[in-house]
N, C-alpha and C. Protein backbone atom coordinates (compact mmCIF):
# COMPACT_ATOMS: atom_id res chain seq x y z
N MET A 1 -65.10 -54.68 41.74
CA MET A 1 -63.81 -54.82 42.45
C MET A 1 -62.61 -54.80 41.92
N GLN A 2 -62.51 -55.56 40.62
CA GLN A 2 -61.03 -55.81 39.88
C GLN A 2 -61.05 -54.20 39.59
N LEU A 3 -61.80 -53.49 39.35
CA LEU A 3 -61.52 -51.98 38.75
C LEU A 3 -60.58 -51.07 39.53
N LEU A 4 -60.85 -51.41 41.09
CA LEU A 4 -59.91 -50.71 42.04
C LEU A 4 -58.55 -50.94 42.00
N ILE A 5 -58.10 -52.09 41.21
CA ILE A 5 -56.74 -52.47 41.02
C ILE A 5 -55.90 -51.53 40.08
N PHE A 6 -56.80 -51.07 39.21
CA PHE A 6 -56.14 -50.09 38.35
C PHE A 6 -56.36 -48.61 38.73
N LEU A 7 -56.81 -48.41 39.74
CA LEU A 7 -57.01 -46.86 40.72
C LEU A 7 -55.50 -46.44 40.63
N PRO A 8 -54.41 -46.88 41.02
CA PRO A 8 -53.48 -46.20 41.06
C PRO A 8 -52.92 -45.73 40.13
N LEU A 9 -53.04 -46.65 38.85
CA LEU A 9 -52.56 -46.46 37.39
C LEU A 9 -53.39 -45.06 36.98
N ALA A 10 -54.63 -44.97 37.15
CA ALA A 10 -55.46 -43.78 36.82
C ALA A 10 -54.83 -42.31 37.62
N CYS A 11 -54.73 -42.57 38.75
CA CYS A 11 -54.48 -41.64 39.55
C CYS A 11 -52.77 -41.05 39.18
N LEU A 12 -52.13 -42.07 38.82
CA LEU A 12 -50.98 -41.54 38.10
C LEU A 12 -50.75 -40.75 36.82
N LEU A 13 -51.79 -41.30 35.96
CA LEU A 13 -51.75 -40.60 34.62
C LEU A 13 -52.29 -39.73 34.74
N VAL A 14 -53.43 -39.43 35.82
CA VAL A 14 -54.14 -38.06 35.77
C VAL A 14 -53.08 -36.77 36.23
N ARG A 15 -52.67 -37.31 37.25
CA ARG A 15 -51.80 -36.39 38.11
C ARG A 15 -50.18 -36.36 37.77
N TRP A 16 -49.87 -36.90 36.76
CA TRP A 16 -48.52 -37.27 35.84
C TRP A 16 -47.77 -35.56 35.78
N SER A 17 -48.71 -34.75 35.38
CA SER A 17 -47.84 -33.38 34.95
C SER A 17 -47.57 -32.71 36.42
N ARG A 18 -48.27 -33.25 37.48
CA ARG A 18 -48.25 -32.23 38.52
C ARG A 18 -47.13 -32.77 39.64
N LEU A 19 -46.85 -33.89 39.32
CA LEU A 19 -45.90 -34.72 40.32
C LEU A 19 -44.56 -34.15 39.84
N PRO A 20 -43.59 -34.16 41.03
CA PRO A 20 -42.46 -33.55 41.19
C PRO A 20 -41.21 -34.57 39.94
N THR A 21 -40.17 -34.11 39.64
CA THR A 21 -39.44 -35.14 38.96
C THR A 21 -38.80 -36.18 39.88
N LEU A 22 -38.42 -35.71 41.01
CA LEU A 22 -37.95 -36.75 41.90
C LEU A 22 -39.23 -36.65 43.13
N VAL A 23 -39.81 -38.22 43.37
CA VAL A 23 -40.53 -38.65 44.15
C VAL A 23 -39.84 -39.23 45.18
N PRO A 24 -40.37 -39.11 46.71
CA PRO A 24 -40.13 -39.92 47.63
C PRO A 24 -40.36 -41.14 47.50
N VAL A 25 -39.63 -42.44 47.59
CA VAL A 25 -40.04 -43.68 47.47
C VAL A 25 -39.77 -44.59 48.89
N HIS A 26 -38.79 -43.96 49.96
CA HIS A 26 -38.55 -44.79 50.83
C HIS A 26 -38.85 -43.75 52.05
N PHE A 27 -39.21 -44.04 53.26
CA PHE A 27 -39.25 -43.10 54.44
C PHE A 27 -38.79 -43.84 55.49
N THR A 28 -38.19 -43.05 56.35
CA THR A 28 -37.93 -43.45 57.95
C THR A 28 -38.68 -42.57 58.80
N SER A 29 -38.63 -42.83 59.82
CA SER A 29 -39.44 -42.36 61.14
C SER A 29 -39.25 -40.84 61.09
N GLU A 30 -38.21 -40.38 60.46
CA GLU A 30 -38.03 -38.69 60.77
C GLU A 30 -38.46 -38.06 59.06
N SER A 31 -38.19 -38.95 57.90
CA SER A 31 -38.17 -38.38 56.80
C SER A 31 -37.92 -39.03 55.69
N ALA A 32 -38.04 -38.80 54.50
CA ALA A 32 -37.71 -39.51 53.44
C ALA A 32 -36.24 -39.73 53.33
N ASP A 33 -35.82 -40.73 52.75
CA ASP A 33 -34.57 -40.94 52.97
C ASP A 33 -33.94 -41.61 51.41
N TYR A 34 -35.07 -41.63 50.50
CA TYR A 34 -34.44 -41.97 49.14
C TYR A 34 -35.50 -41.74 48.11
N TYR A 35 -35.14 -40.93 46.89
CA TYR A 35 -35.75 -40.65 46.11
C TYR A 35 -35.54 -41.21 44.88
N ALA A 36 -36.95 -41.35 43.92
CA ALA A 36 -36.33 -42.06 42.68
C ALA A 36 -37.07 -40.96 41.54
N ASP A 37 -36.63 -41.47 40.25
CA ASP A 37 -37.52 -40.44 39.16
C ASP A 37 -38.94 -40.90 39.33
N LYS A 38 -39.75 -40.24 38.80
CA LYS A 38 -41.45 -40.31 38.87
C LYS A 38 -41.93 -41.31 37.88
N ARG A 39 -40.93 -41.85 36.94
CA ARG A 39 -41.17 -42.71 35.97
C ARG A 39 -41.16 -44.25 36.92
N THR A 40 -40.46 -44.01 37.76
CA THR A 40 -40.54 -45.49 39.04
C THR A 40 -41.70 -45.89 39.40
N LEU A 41 -42.52 -44.77 39.39
CA LEU A 41 -43.70 -45.07 40.20
C LEU A 41 -44.38 -45.97 39.05
N PHE A 42 -44.38 -45.98 37.91
CA PHE A 42 -45.18 -46.83 36.71
C PHE A 42 -45.02 -48.59 37.27
N ILE A 43 -43.82 -48.68 37.94
CA ILE A 43 -43.55 -50.25 38.63
C ILE A 43 -44.41 -50.43 39.76
N TYR A 44 -44.29 -49.15 40.88
CA TYR A 44 -45.14 -49.31 41.82
C TYR A 44 -46.72 -49.46 41.48
N VAL A 45 -46.94 -48.99 40.84
CA VAL A 45 -48.57 -48.98 40.37
C VAL A 45 -49.27 -50.34 39.59
N LEU A 46 -48.43 -50.98 39.03
CA LEU A 46 -48.51 -52.20 38.89
C LEU A 46 -48.38 -53.54 39.60
N LEU A 47 -47.77 -53.22 40.49
CA LEU A 47 -47.88 -53.87 41.79
C LEU A 47 -48.99 -54.74 42.11
N PRO A 48 -49.56 -54.10 42.59
CA PRO A 48 -51.02 -54.78 42.87
C PRO A 48 -51.81 -55.25 41.98
N GLY A 49 -52.09 -54.96 40.78
CA GLY A 49 -52.42 -55.79 39.88
C GLY A 49 -51.74 -57.16 39.75
N LEU A 50 -50.39 -56.95 39.61
CA LEU A 50 -49.73 -58.25 39.32
C LEU A 50 -50.04 -59.52 40.91
N ILE A 51 -50.11 -58.78 41.88
CA ILE A 51 -50.73 -59.61 43.22
C ILE A 51 -51.85 -60.20 42.90
N TYR A 52 -52.85 -59.41 42.51
CA TYR A 52 -54.14 -59.50 42.35
C TYR A 52 -54.32 -60.89 41.76
N TYR A 53 -53.72 -60.41 40.09
CA TYR A 53 -53.94 -61.30 39.14
C TYR A 53 -53.47 -62.75 39.79
N THR A 54 -52.02 -62.67 40.22
CA THR A 54 -51.30 -64.17 40.29
C THR A 54 -51.70 -64.98 41.69
N ALA A 55 -52.66 -64.24 42.51
CA ALA A 55 -53.26 -64.80 43.67
C ALA A 55 -53.65 -66.46 43.47
N PRO A 56 -54.39 -66.85 42.10
CA PRO A 56 -54.64 -68.21 42.16
C PRO A 56 -53.36 -68.99 42.12
N TYR A 57 -52.29 -68.45 41.44
CA TYR A 57 -51.11 -69.56 41.05
C TYR A 57 -50.25 -69.46 42.43
N LEU A 58 -50.19 -68.42 43.55
CA LEU A 58 -49.82 -68.26 44.61
C LEU A 58 -50.26 -68.96 45.48
N ASP A 59 -51.51 -69.56 45.86
CA ASP A 59 -52.22 -70.39 46.89
C ASP A 59 -53.08 -71.10 45.83
N THR A 60 -52.60 -72.04 45.53
CA THR A 60 -53.23 -73.13 44.79
C THR A 60 -54.50 -74.17 45.43
N GLU A 61 -54.36 -74.20 46.73
CA GLU A 61 -55.04 -74.67 47.48
C GLU A 61 -56.09 -73.75 47.81
N ASN A 62 -56.29 -72.46 47.74
CA ASN A 62 -57.37 -71.73 47.61
C ASN A 62 -57.64 -71.58 49.35
N ARG A 63 -56.41 -71.53 50.04
CA ARG A 63 -56.89 -71.04 51.65
C ARG A 63 -56.62 -69.78 51.90
N ARG A 64 -55.78 -69.15 51.01
CA ARG A 64 -55.46 -67.40 51.33
C ARG A 64 -55.82 -66.65 50.25
N ARG A 65 -56.36 -67.04 49.27
CA ARG A 65 -56.40 -66.24 47.96
C ARG A 65 -57.40 -65.08 48.46
N SER A 66 -58.12 -65.09 49.01
CA SER A 66 -58.87 -63.57 49.37
C SER A 66 -58.22 -62.76 50.09
N LEU A 67 -57.31 -63.34 51.20
CA LEU A 67 -56.44 -62.79 51.96
C LEU A 67 -55.30 -61.92 50.89
N ILE A 68 -54.80 -62.58 50.21
CA ILE A 68 -53.74 -62.13 49.07
C ILE A 68 -54.14 -61.04 48.16
N ARG A 69 -55.68 -61.21 47.64
CA ARG A 69 -56.44 -60.17 47.09
C ARG A 69 -56.53 -58.80 47.92
N GLY A 70 -57.01 -59.25 49.00
CA GLY A 70 -57.47 -58.17 50.27
C GLY A 70 -56.13 -56.94 50.20
N VAL A 71 -55.17 -57.76 50.44
CA VAL A 71 -53.74 -57.22 50.47
C VAL A 71 -53.27 -56.24 49.01
N ALA A 72 -53.84 -56.78 48.10
CA ALA A 72 -53.65 -56.25 46.88
C ALA A 72 -54.55 -54.83 46.87
N LEU A 73 -55.84 -55.07 47.23
CA LEU A 73 -56.73 -53.92 47.14
C LEU A 73 -56.33 -52.90 47.98
N PHE A 74 -55.81 -53.50 49.21
CA PHE A 74 -55.01 -52.60 50.24
C PHE A 74 -53.89 -51.42 49.84
N LEU A 75 -53.06 -52.20 49.19
CA LEU A 75 -51.76 -51.67 48.70
C LEU A 75 -52.33 -50.74 47.54
N SER A 76 -53.61 -51.05 46.64
CA SER A 76 -53.88 -50.07 45.40
C SER A 76 -54.61 -48.69 46.04
N PHE A 77 -55.12 -48.97 47.40
CA PHE A 77 -55.96 -47.54 47.94
C PHE A 77 -54.56 -46.80 48.54
N VAL A 78 -53.29 -47.50 49.09
CA VAL A 78 -52.54 -46.61 49.72
C VAL A 78 -51.67 -46.03 48.55
N LEU A 79 -51.59 -46.49 47.61
CA LEU A 79 -50.92 -46.15 46.49
C LEU A 79 -51.84 -45.08 45.83
N SER A 80 -52.75 -45.11 45.71
CA SER A 80 -53.55 -44.08 44.93
C SER A 80 -53.87 -42.68 46.01
N VAL A 81 -53.71 -42.88 47.32
CA VAL A 81 -53.99 -41.67 47.99
C VAL A 81 -52.35 -41.23 48.10
N SER A 82 -51.32 -41.68 47.99
CA SER A 82 -50.02 -41.29 48.00
C SER A 82 -49.71 -40.57 46.68
N ILE A 83 -50.12 -41.13 45.67
CA ILE A 83 -50.06 -40.36 44.40
C ILE A 83 -50.90 -39.15 44.28
N LEU A 84 -52.01 -38.91 45.09
CA LEU A 84 -52.76 -37.70 45.08
C LEU A 84 -52.45 -36.76 45.80
N ALA A 85 -51.69 -37.30 47.17
CA ALA A 85 -51.21 -36.54 47.94
C ALA A 85 -49.87 -35.81 47.19
N ALA A 86 -48.87 -36.49 46.77
CA ALA A 86 -47.73 -36.07 46.12
C ALA A 86 -48.18 -35.14 45.16
N ALA A 87 -48.91 -35.19 44.44
CA ALA A 87 -49.26 -34.20 43.31
C ALA A 87 -50.08 -33.06 43.90
N ALA A 88 -50.28 -32.90 44.96
CA ALA A 88 -51.37 -31.94 45.45
C ALA A 88 -50.76 -30.39 45.57
């Protein structure tokens, strides 16, 4: 399960050469309204791991730890699909 957290990073490294120099990072209902350099994606793909591994410190009473980790896994999946779609 923990390996899924690194899936976006693997997708990014595998598809790096096929990504455009500028990638959309913010969207409105009509279209993308903010673009960033593709190197910015490294920050995005590290966020799920940061959330996943800091969950014990975010919820010291262990009430929502699994929910926090579930959100990190979902974010990891969404980022992976987005990277693969952008590099298609």
